[in-house]
């Protein structure tokens, strides 16, 4: 049975960050690069915030990220009060659809998806100075996107953090 989504974005090191997704059925872990998809982290925050906000009923967003040479599409689909997360892996930057492989899929309530990401984004924010985030990620921390993300309240059940 699919369980609660757990998301981890670990402190960056030398321009790389470990990311992981688990839900009791499947799991996906990789390291991702700060380049060439330099806006991947802030786009992640915007995508999750937008797809879990109360006003969104149906929407879709695909975020590109890479490990080098592998590339990933993180696909988010909002269907009513549910969100589907799919992670596709491509063997190269060519992103040939015939070669892509679904490596993770999760279906969950929008509020649960938001809360899973909220926990890990809050941890990145709290540890940003200790971990020398900007030096180690080689990019600034996405303050504006994080502030917008934490203002989202998917519904009244979303606990204050």
N, C-alpha and C. Protein backbone atom coordinates (compact mmCIF):
# COMPACT_ATOMS: atom_id res chain seq x y z
N UNK A 1 0.83 -1.18 0.00
CA UNK A 1 0.00 0.00 0.00
C UNK A 1 0.88 1.25 0.00
N UNK A 2 0.51 2.21 -0.84
CA UNK A 2 1.26 3.45 -0.92
C UNK A 2 1.05 4.23 0.38
N UNK A 3 2.15 4.67 0.95
CA UNK A 3 2.09 5.41 2.20
C UNK A 3 2.33 6.88 1.99
N UNK A 4 2.66 7.54 3.06
CA UNK A 4 2.93 8.97 3.02
C UNK A 4 4.20 9.24 2.21
N UNK A 5 4.16 10.33 1.49
CA UNK A 5 5.32 10.74 0.70
C UNK A 5 6.37 11.34 1.62
N UNK A 6 7.59 10.89 1.45
CA UNK A 6 8.73 11.49 2.13
C UNK A 6 9.66 12.06 1.07
N UNK A 7 10.04 13.31 1.24
CA UNK A 7 10.89 14.01 0.29
C UNK A 7 12.14 14.48 1.01
N UNK A 8 13.29 14.30 0.39
CA UNK A 8 14.53 14.81 0.99
C UNK A 8 15.34 15.55 -0.07
N UNK A 9 15.75 16.75 0.27
CA UNK A 9 16.71 17.53 -0.51
C UNK A 9 17.82 17.81 0.49
N UNK A 10 18.91 17.10 0.37
CA UNK A 10 19.98 17.23 1.36
C UNK A 10 20.89 18.41 1.04
N UNK A 11 21.62 18.84 2.02
CA UNK A 11 22.51 19.99 1.88
C UNK A 11 23.43 19.79 0.69
N UNK A 12 23.59 20.83 -0.12
CA UNK A 12 24.45 20.70 -1.30
C UNK A 12 25.92 20.61 -0.94
N UNK A 13 26.66 19.97 -1.83
CA UNK A 13 28.10 19.84 -1.69
C UNK A 13 28.73 19.97 -3.08
N UNK A 14 29.63 20.89 -3.25
CA UNK A 14 30.40 21.04 -4.50
C UNK A 14 29.51 21.15 -5.73
N UNK A 15 28.37 21.83 -5.62
CA UNK A 15 27.48 22.02 -6.76
C UNK A 15 26.52 20.88 -7.02
N UNK A 16 26.44 19.93 -6.11
CA UNK A 16 25.54 18.78 -6.24
C UNK A 16 24.64 18.68 -5.02
N UNK A 17 23.44 18.17 -5.22
CA UNK A 17 22.52 17.99 -4.10
C UNK A 17 21.85 16.63 -4.24
N UNK A 18 21.76 15.93 -3.13
CA UNK A 18 21.07 14.64 -3.09
C UNK A 18 19.58 14.89 -2.90
N UNK A 19 18.76 14.25 -3.73
CA UNK A 19 17.31 14.36 -3.59
C UNK A 19 16.72 12.95 -3.52
N UNK A 20 15.63 12.81 -2.79
CA UNK A 20 15.01 11.50 -2.66
C UNK A 20 13.52 11.60 -2.45
N UNK A 21 12.83 10.57 -2.91
CA UNK A 21 11.38 10.45 -2.77
C UNK A 21 11.08 9.01 -2.38
N UNK A 22 10.25 8.82 -1.37
CA UNK A 22 9.82 7.49 -0.94
C UNK A 22 8.36 7.56 -0.53
N UNK A 23 7.62 6.44 -0.75
CA UNK A 23 6.21 6.42 -0.33
C UNK A 23 5.73 5.04 0.12
N UNK A 24 6.64 4.16 0.48
CA UNK A 24 6.24 2.84 0.94
C UNK A 24 6.13 1.81 -0.17
N UNK A 25 5.92 2.26 -1.39
CA UNK A 25 5.88 1.35 -2.55
C UNK A 25 7.13 1.54 -3.39
N UNK A 26 7.42 2.79 -3.69
CA UNK A 26 8.57 3.08 -4.54
C UNK A 26 9.48 4.08 -3.88
N UNK A 27 10.67 4.15 -4.44
CA UNK A 27 11.61 5.15 -3.97
C UNK A 27 12.51 5.55 -5.12
N UNK A 28 13.00 6.76 -5.03
CA UNK A 28 13.91 7.31 -6.03
C UNK A 28 14.91 8.20 -5.31
N UNK A 29 16.18 7.96 -5.54
CA UNK A 29 17.24 8.77 -4.96
C UNK A 29 18.27 9.05 -6.05
N UNK A 30 18.75 10.27 -6.07
CA UNK A 30 19.80 10.63 -7.02
C UNK A 30 20.52 11.86 -6.50
N UNK A 31 21.56 12.24 -7.18
CA UNK A 31 22.18 13.53 -6.95
C UNK A 31 21.86 14.38 -8.17
N UNK A 32 21.70 15.67 -7.95
CA UNK A 32 21.38 16.57 -9.05
C UNK A 32 22.41 17.69 -9.08
N UNK A 33 22.59 18.24 -10.25
CA UNK A 33 23.60 19.27 -10.45
C UNK A 33 22.99 20.67 -10.41
N UNK A 34 23.80 21.63 -10.01
CA UNK A 34 23.35 23.02 -9.97
C UNK A 34 23.24 23.63 -11.37
N UNK A 35 23.85 23.00 -12.36
CA UNK A 35 23.82 23.51 -13.73
C UNK A 35 23.64 22.33 -14.68
N UNK A 36 23.05 22.47 -15.83
CA UNK A 36 22.67 23.72 -16.48
C UNK A 36 21.26 24.20 -16.09
N UNK A 37 20.52 23.44 -15.33
CA UNK A 37 19.16 23.84 -14.95
C UNK A 37 19.23 24.67 -13.66
N UNK A 38 19.79 25.87 -13.80
CA UNK A 38 20.10 26.68 -12.64
C UNK A 38 18.89 27.14 -11.84
N UNK A 39 17.70 27.07 -12.42
CA UNK A 39 16.51 27.51 -11.69
C UNK A 39 15.66 26.34 -11.21
N UNK A 40 16.23 25.14 -11.22
CA UNK A 40 15.46 23.95 -10.85
C UNK A 40 14.91 24.02 -9.43
N UNK A 41 15.71 24.42 -8.46
CA UNK A 41 15.23 24.46 -7.08
C UNK A 41 14.13 25.51 -6.89
N UNK A 42 14.30 26.75 -7.34
CA UNK A 42 13.19 27.70 -7.20
C UNK A 42 11.96 27.27 -8.01
N UNK A 43 12.17 26.65 -9.16
CA UNK A 43 11.02 26.18 -9.95
C UNK A 43 10.30 25.05 -9.23
N UNK A 44 11.03 24.20 -8.52
CA UNK A 44 10.41 23.16 -7.71
C UNK A 44 9.47 23.79 -6.69
N UNK A 45 9.96 24.82 -6.00
CA UNK A 45 9.15 25.49 -4.99
C UNK A 45 7.90 26.11 -5.61
N UNK A 46 8.07 26.76 -6.77
CA UNK A 46 6.92 27.38 -7.44
C UNK A 46 5.92 26.33 -7.90
N UNK A 47 6.40 25.22 -8.45
CA UNK A 47 5.51 24.17 -8.96
C UNK A 47 4.68 23.56 -7.85
N UNK A 48 5.33 23.18 -6.76
CA UNK A 48 4.60 22.55 -5.65
C UNK A 48 3.62 23.54 -5.02
N UNK A 49 4.04 24.78 -4.85
CA UNK A 49 3.15 25.79 -4.28
C UNK A 49 1.94 26.00 -5.18
N UNK A 50 2.18 26.12 -6.47
CA UNK A 50 1.08 26.35 -7.40
C UNK A 50 0.12 25.18 -7.50
N UNK A 51 0.66 23.98 -7.49
CA UNK A 51 -0.20 22.80 -7.66
C UNK A 51 -0.89 22.36 -6.39
N UNK A 52 -0.50 22.90 -5.26
CA UNK A 52 -1.17 22.50 -4.02
C UNK A 52 -1.99 23.63 -3.41
N UNK A 53 -1.95 24.81 -4.00
CA UNK A 53 -2.75 25.93 -3.51
C UNK A 53 -4.23 25.61 -3.68
N UNK A 54 -5.08 26.12 -2.80
CA UNK A 54 -6.51 25.80 -2.85
C UNK A 54 -7.19 26.17 -4.18
N UNK A 55 -6.73 27.20 -4.87
CA UNK A 55 -7.42 27.63 -6.08
C UNK A 55 -7.16 26.74 -7.28
N UNK A 56 -6.07 25.99 -7.27
CA UNK A 56 -5.76 25.11 -8.40
C UNK A 56 -6.61 23.84 -8.32
N UNK A 57 -7.34 23.56 -9.37
CA UNK A 57 -8.11 22.33 -9.44
C UNK A 57 -7.47 21.32 -10.37
N UNK A 58 -7.08 21.76 -11.54
CA UNK A 58 -6.42 20.88 -12.49
C UNK A 58 -5.29 21.68 -13.15
N UNK A 59 -4.10 21.15 -13.09
CA UNK A 59 -2.95 21.82 -13.67
C UNK A 59 -1.84 20.78 -13.87
N UNK A 60 -0.84 21.16 -14.64
CA UNK A 60 0.29 20.27 -14.88
C UNK A 60 1.55 21.11 -14.99
N UNK A 61 2.65 20.55 -14.48
CA UNK A 61 3.92 21.24 -14.55
C UNK A 61 5.03 20.19 -14.68
N UNK A 62 5.97 20.44 -15.57
CA UNK A 62 7.13 19.55 -15.72
C UNK A 62 8.40 20.36 -15.49
N UNK A 63 9.22 19.86 -14.60
CA UNK A 63 10.48 20.51 -14.24
C UNK A 63 11.63 19.65 -14.75
N UNK A 64 12.60 20.27 -15.39
CA UNK A 64 13.77 19.55 -15.89
C UNK A 64 14.93 19.72 -14.90
N UNK A 65 15.64 18.61 -14.68
CA UNK A 65 16.83 18.64 -13.83
C UNK A 65 17.77 17.57 -14.33
N UNK A 66 19.01 17.56 -13.88
CA UNK A 66 19.96 16.58 -14.40
C UNK A 66 20.93 16.08 -13.34
N UNK A 67 21.56 14.95 -13.70
CA UNK A 67 22.65 14.39 -12.90
C UNK A 67 23.94 14.38 -13.72
N UNK A 68 23.85 14.37 -15.01
CA UNK A 68 24.97 14.39 -15.94
C UNK A 68 25.69 13.05 -15.99
N UNK A 69 25.43 12.22 -16.95
CA UNK A 69 24.76 12.55 -18.20
C UNK A 69 23.23 12.37 -18.15
N UNK A 70 22.71 11.76 -17.10
CA UNK A 70 21.28 11.52 -17.04
C UNK A 70 20.52 12.83 -16.85
N UNK A 71 19.32 12.87 -17.41
CA UNK A 71 18.42 14.02 -17.27
C UNK A 71 17.12 13.50 -16.67
N UNK A 72 16.40 14.38 -16.00
CA UNK A 72 15.13 14.00 -15.36
C UNK A 72 14.04 15.00 -15.69
N UNK A 73 12.83 14.49 -15.81
CA UNK A 73 11.63 15.30 -15.82
C UNK A 73 10.87 14.95 -14.55
N UNK A 74 10.59 15.97 -13.74
CA UNK A 74 9.74 15.82 -12.57
C UNK A 74 8.39 16.37 -12.98
N UNK A 75 7.43 15.50 -13.18
CA UNK A 75 6.11 15.89 -13.69
C UNK A 75 5.12 15.89 -12.53
N UNK A 76 4.41 17.00 -12.39
CA UNK A 76 3.39 17.16 -11.36
C UNK A 76 2.05 17.40 -12.05
N UNK A 77 1.03 16.65 -11.66
CA UNK A 77 -0.31 16.83 -12.22
C UNK A 77 -1.29 17.00 -11.08
N UNK A 78 -2.07 18.08 -11.12
CA UNK A 78 -3.11 18.31 -10.11
C UNK A 78 -4.44 17.89 -10.71
N UNK A 79 -5.12 17.00 -10.00
CA UNK A 79 -6.44 16.51 -10.41
C UNK A 79 -7.38 16.67 -9.22
N UNK A 80 -8.10 17.79 -9.16
CA UNK A 80 -8.96 18.06 -8.02
C UNK A 80 -8.12 18.30 -6.78
N UNK A 81 -8.36 17.51 -5.73
CA UNK A 81 -7.57 17.67 -4.50
C UNK A 81 -6.42 16.68 -4.42
N UNK A 82 -6.08 16.04 -5.54
CA UNK A 82 -5.00 15.05 -5.60
C UNK A 82 -3.87 15.56 -6.49
N UNK A 83 -2.66 15.09 -6.21
CA UNK A 83 -1.49 15.41 -7.01
C UNK A 83 -0.79 14.11 -7.38
N UNK A 84 -0.39 14.01 -8.64
CA UNK A 84 0.40 12.88 -9.13
C UNK A 84 1.80 13.41 -9.40
N UNK A 85 2.80 12.72 -8.88
CA UNK A 85 4.19 13.05 -9.15
C UNK A 85 4.78 11.89 -9.94
N UNK A 86 5.37 12.21 -11.07
CA UNK A 86 6.06 11.20 -11.88
C UNK A 86 7.47 11.71 -12.15
N UNK A 87 8.44 10.82 -12.01
CA UNK A 87 9.83 11.16 -12.32
C UNK A 87 10.27 10.26 -13.46
N UNK A 88 10.67 10.90 -14.56
CA UNK A 88 11.16 10.20 -15.73
C UNK A 88 12.66 10.43 -15.86
N UNK A 89 13.38 9.37 -16.20
CA UNK A 89 14.83 9.46 -16.39
C UNK A 89 15.14 9.25 -17.87
N UNK A 90 16.02 10.10 -18.38
CA UNK A 90 16.56 9.96 -19.74
C UNK A 90 18.04 9.63 -19.61
N UNK A 91 18.58 8.74 -20.46
CA UNK A 91 19.99 8.38 -20.34
C UNK A 91 20.96 9.50 -20.70
N UNK A 92 20.50 10.47 -21.51
CA UNK A 92 21.38 11.57 -21.93
C UNK A 92 20.58 12.87 -22.01
N UNK A 93 21.29 13.94 -22.29
CA UNK A 93 20.66 15.25 -22.43
C UNK A 93 19.81 15.36 -23.69
N UNK A 94 19.85 14.35 -24.56
CA UNK A 94 19.03 14.36 -25.77
C UNK A 94 17.54 14.30 -25.45
N UNK A 95 17.18 13.73 -24.29
CA UNK A 95 15.79 13.63 -23.84
C UNK A 95 14.89 12.98 -24.88
N UNK A 96 15.37 11.87 -25.42
CA UNK A 96 14.60 11.11 -26.38
C UNK A 96 13.44 10.41 -25.65
N UNK A 97 12.20 10.72 -26.02
CA UNK A 97 11.02 10.16 -25.34
C UNK A 97 10.99 8.63 -25.41
N UNK A 98 11.52 8.07 -26.48
CA UNK A 98 11.53 6.61 -26.61
C UNK A 98 12.48 5.94 -25.61
N UNK A 99 13.42 6.70 -25.08
CA UNK A 99 14.40 6.15 -24.15
C UNK A 99 14.11 6.50 -22.69
N UNK A 100 13.10 7.30 -22.46
CA UNK A 100 12.82 7.68 -21.07
C UNK A 100 12.19 6.52 -20.31
N UNK A 101 12.43 6.54 -19.00
CA UNK A 101 11.92 5.47 -18.13
C UNK A 101 11.27 6.12 -16.91
N UNK A 102 10.07 5.67 -16.56
CA UNK A 102 9.41 6.12 -15.35
C UNK A 102 10.12 5.46 -14.17
N UNK A 103 10.74 6.27 -13.31
CA UNK A 103 11.51 5.71 -12.18
C UNK A 103 10.83 5.92 -10.84
N UNK A 104 9.78 6.76 -10.79
CA UNK A 104 9.03 6.96 -9.55
C UNK A 104 7.68 7.56 -9.88
N UNK A 105 6.66 7.12 -9.13
CA UNK A 105 5.32 7.70 -9.28
C UNK A 105 4.64 7.67 -7.92
N UNK A 106 3.99 8.79 -7.61
CA UNK A 106 3.25 8.90 -6.35
C UNK A 106 1.93 9.61 -6.60
N UNK A 107 0.87 9.09 -5.99
CA UNK A 107 -0.46 9.72 -6.03
C UNK A 107 -0.80 10.08 -4.59
N UNK A 108 -1.16 11.33 -4.35
CA UNK A 108 -1.49 11.71 -2.98
C UNK A 108 -2.33 12.96 -2.91
N UNK A 109 -2.86 13.21 -1.73
CA UNK A 109 -3.63 14.42 -1.48
C UNK A 109 -2.70 15.62 -1.60
N UNK A 110 -3.22 16.70 -2.17
CA UNK A 110 -2.41 17.91 -2.36
C UNK A 110 -1.80 18.38 -1.04
N UNK A 111 -2.57 18.36 0.03
CA UNK A 111 -2.05 18.82 1.32
C UNK A 111 -0.89 17.94 1.80
N UNK A 112 -0.96 16.66 1.56
CA UNK A 112 0.11 15.75 1.98
C UNK A 112 1.38 15.97 1.15
N UNK A 113 1.20 16.20 -0.14
CA UNK A 113 2.34 16.48 -1.01
C UNK A 113 3.01 17.78 -0.57
N UNK A 114 2.19 18.80 -0.33
CA UNK A 114 2.73 20.08 0.14
C UNK A 114 3.52 19.90 1.43
N UNK A 115 2.95 19.21 2.39
CA UNK A 115 3.61 19.03 3.68
C UNK A 115 4.91 18.26 3.57
N UNK A 116 4.98 17.29 2.66
CA UNK A 116 6.22 16.53 2.45
C UNK A 116 7.33 17.45 1.94
N UNK A 117 6.98 18.30 0.98
CA UNK A 117 7.96 19.24 0.46
C UNK A 117 8.26 20.34 1.47
N UNK A 118 7.25 20.75 2.21
CA UNK A 118 7.44 21.82 3.21
C UNK A 118 8.51 21.42 4.23
N UNK A 119 8.46 20.19 4.69
CA UNK A 119 9.44 19.72 5.67
C UNK A 119 10.86 19.83 5.14
N UNK A 120 11.08 19.39 3.92
CA UNK A 120 12.46 19.40 3.40
C UNK A 120 12.90 20.81 3.01
N UNK A 121 11.99 21.64 2.46
CA UNK A 121 12.37 23.00 2.12
C UNK A 121 12.64 23.82 3.38
N UNK A 122 11.85 23.58 4.44
CA UNK A 122 12.11 24.25 5.72
C UNK A 122 13.50 23.88 6.25
N UNK A 123 13.87 22.61 6.11
CA UNK A 123 15.18 22.16 6.59
C UNK A 123 16.31 22.81 5.78
N UNK A 124 16.16 22.90 4.46
CA UNK A 124 17.16 23.58 3.64
C UNK A 124 17.31 25.03 4.09
N UNK A 125 16.17 25.68 4.34
CA UNK A 125 16.19 27.08 4.77
C UNK A 125 16.88 27.22 6.13
N UNK A 126 16.51 26.39 7.08
CA UNK A 126 17.07 26.47 8.42
C UNK A 126 18.58 26.21 8.43
N UNK A 127 19.05 25.34 7.55
CA UNK A 127 20.46 24.95 7.53
C UNK A 127 21.30 25.76 6.53
N UNK A 128 20.71 26.73 5.87
CA UNK A 128 21.39 27.42 4.76
C UNK A 128 22.71 28.07 5.17
N UNK A 129 22.76 28.66 6.35
CA UNK A 129 24.02 29.30 6.79
C UNK A 129 25.02 28.27 7.29
N UNK A 130 24.56 27.34 8.11
CA UNK A 130 25.42 26.29 8.64
C UNK A 130 26.06 25.48 7.51
N UNK A 131 25.25 25.18 6.50
CA UNK A 131 25.74 24.36 5.37
C UNK A 131 26.40 25.19 4.27
N UNK A 132 26.51 26.50 4.48
CA UNK A 132 27.06 27.38 3.45
C UNK A 132 26.41 27.09 2.11
N UNK A 133 25.08 27.15 2.12
CA UNK A 133 24.28 26.77 0.97
C UNK A 133 24.76 27.41 -0.33
N UNK A 134 24.90 28.72 -0.34
CA UNK A 134 25.22 29.41 -1.59
C UNK A 134 26.60 29.05 -2.11
N UNK A 135 27.55 28.86 -1.22
CA UNK A 135 28.90 28.44 -1.64
C UNK A 135 28.85 27.02 -2.19
N UNK A 136 28.17 26.13 -1.47
CA UNK A 136 28.14 24.72 -1.86
C UNK A 136 27.21 24.42 -3.03
N UNK A 137 26.14 25.20 -3.19
CA UNK A 137 25.22 24.98 -4.32
C UNK A 137 25.65 25.81 -5.53
N UNK A 138 26.49 26.80 -5.28
CA UNK A 138 26.99 27.68 -6.33
C UNK A 138 25.89 28.52 -6.95
N UNK A 139 24.85 28.74 -6.17
CA UNK A 139 23.73 29.59 -6.56
C UNK A 139 23.13 30.17 -5.29
N UNK A 140 22.46 31.30 -5.43
CA UNK A 140 21.82 31.87 -4.23
C UNK A 140 20.64 31.02 -3.77
N UNK A 141 20.38 31.09 -2.48
CA UNK A 141 19.19 30.42 -1.96
C UNK A 141 17.96 31.13 -2.54
N UNK A 142 16.94 30.37 -2.97
CA UNK A 142 15.76 31.00 -3.59
C UNK A 142 14.79 31.57 -2.54
N UNK A 143 15.20 32.68 -1.90
CA UNK A 143 14.40 33.27 -0.82
C UNK A 143 12.99 33.65 -1.27
N UNK A 144 12.89 34.33 -2.40
CA UNK A 144 11.58 34.80 -2.87
C UNK A 144 10.63 33.62 -3.09
N UNK A 145 11.10 32.57 -3.73
CA UNK A 145 10.26 31.40 -4.00
C UNK A 145 9.93 30.66 -2.70
N UNK A 146 10.89 30.60 -1.78
CA UNK A 146 10.63 29.94 -0.50
C UNK A 146 9.56 30.71 0.28
N UNK A 147 9.65 32.03 0.32
CA UNK A 147 8.66 32.84 1.03
C UNK A 147 7.26 32.65 0.42
N UNK A 148 7.17 32.59 -0.90
CA UNK A 148 5.88 32.34 -1.55
C UNK A 148 5.38 30.94 -1.23
N UNK A 149 6.31 29.98 -1.21
CA UNK A 149 5.95 28.60 -0.92
C UNK A 149 5.35 28.45 0.47
N UNK A 150 5.96 29.07 1.48
CA UNK A 150 5.47 28.88 2.85
C UNK A 150 4.18 29.64 3.12
N UNK A 151 3.79 30.55 2.24
CA UNK A 151 2.50 31.24 2.40
C UNK A 151 1.32 30.39 1.92
N UNK A 152 1.59 29.32 1.17
CA UNK A 152 0.53 28.46 0.65
C UNK A 152 -0.09 27.66 1.78
N UNK A 153 -1.37 27.55 1.79
CA UNK A 153 -2.10 26.70 2.74
C UNK A 153 -3.07 25.86 1.91
N UNK A 154 -2.69 24.62 1.59
CA UNK A 154 -3.53 23.80 0.72
C UNK A 154 -4.97 23.67 1.21
N UNK A 155 -5.19 23.58 2.49
CA UNK A 155 -6.55 23.60 3.04
C UNK A 155 -6.44 23.81 4.54
N UNK A 156 -7.54 23.81 5.24
CA UNK A 156 -7.52 24.08 6.68
C UNK A 156 -6.80 23.01 7.49
N UNK A 157 -6.58 21.84 6.89
CA UNK A 157 -5.91 20.76 7.60
C UNK A 157 -4.40 20.93 7.62
N UNK A 158 -3.89 21.84 6.79
CA UNK A 158 -2.45 22.04 6.71
C UNK A 158 -1.96 22.67 8.00
N UNK A 159 -1.13 21.97 8.76
CA UNK A 159 -0.65 22.53 10.03
C UNK A 159 0.32 23.67 9.82
N UNK A 160 0.32 24.60 10.71
CA UNK A 160 1.30 25.69 10.67
C UNK A 160 2.67 25.09 11.04
N UNK A 161 3.69 25.54 10.38
CA UNK A 161 5.05 25.05 10.63
C UNK A 161 5.84 26.07 11.39
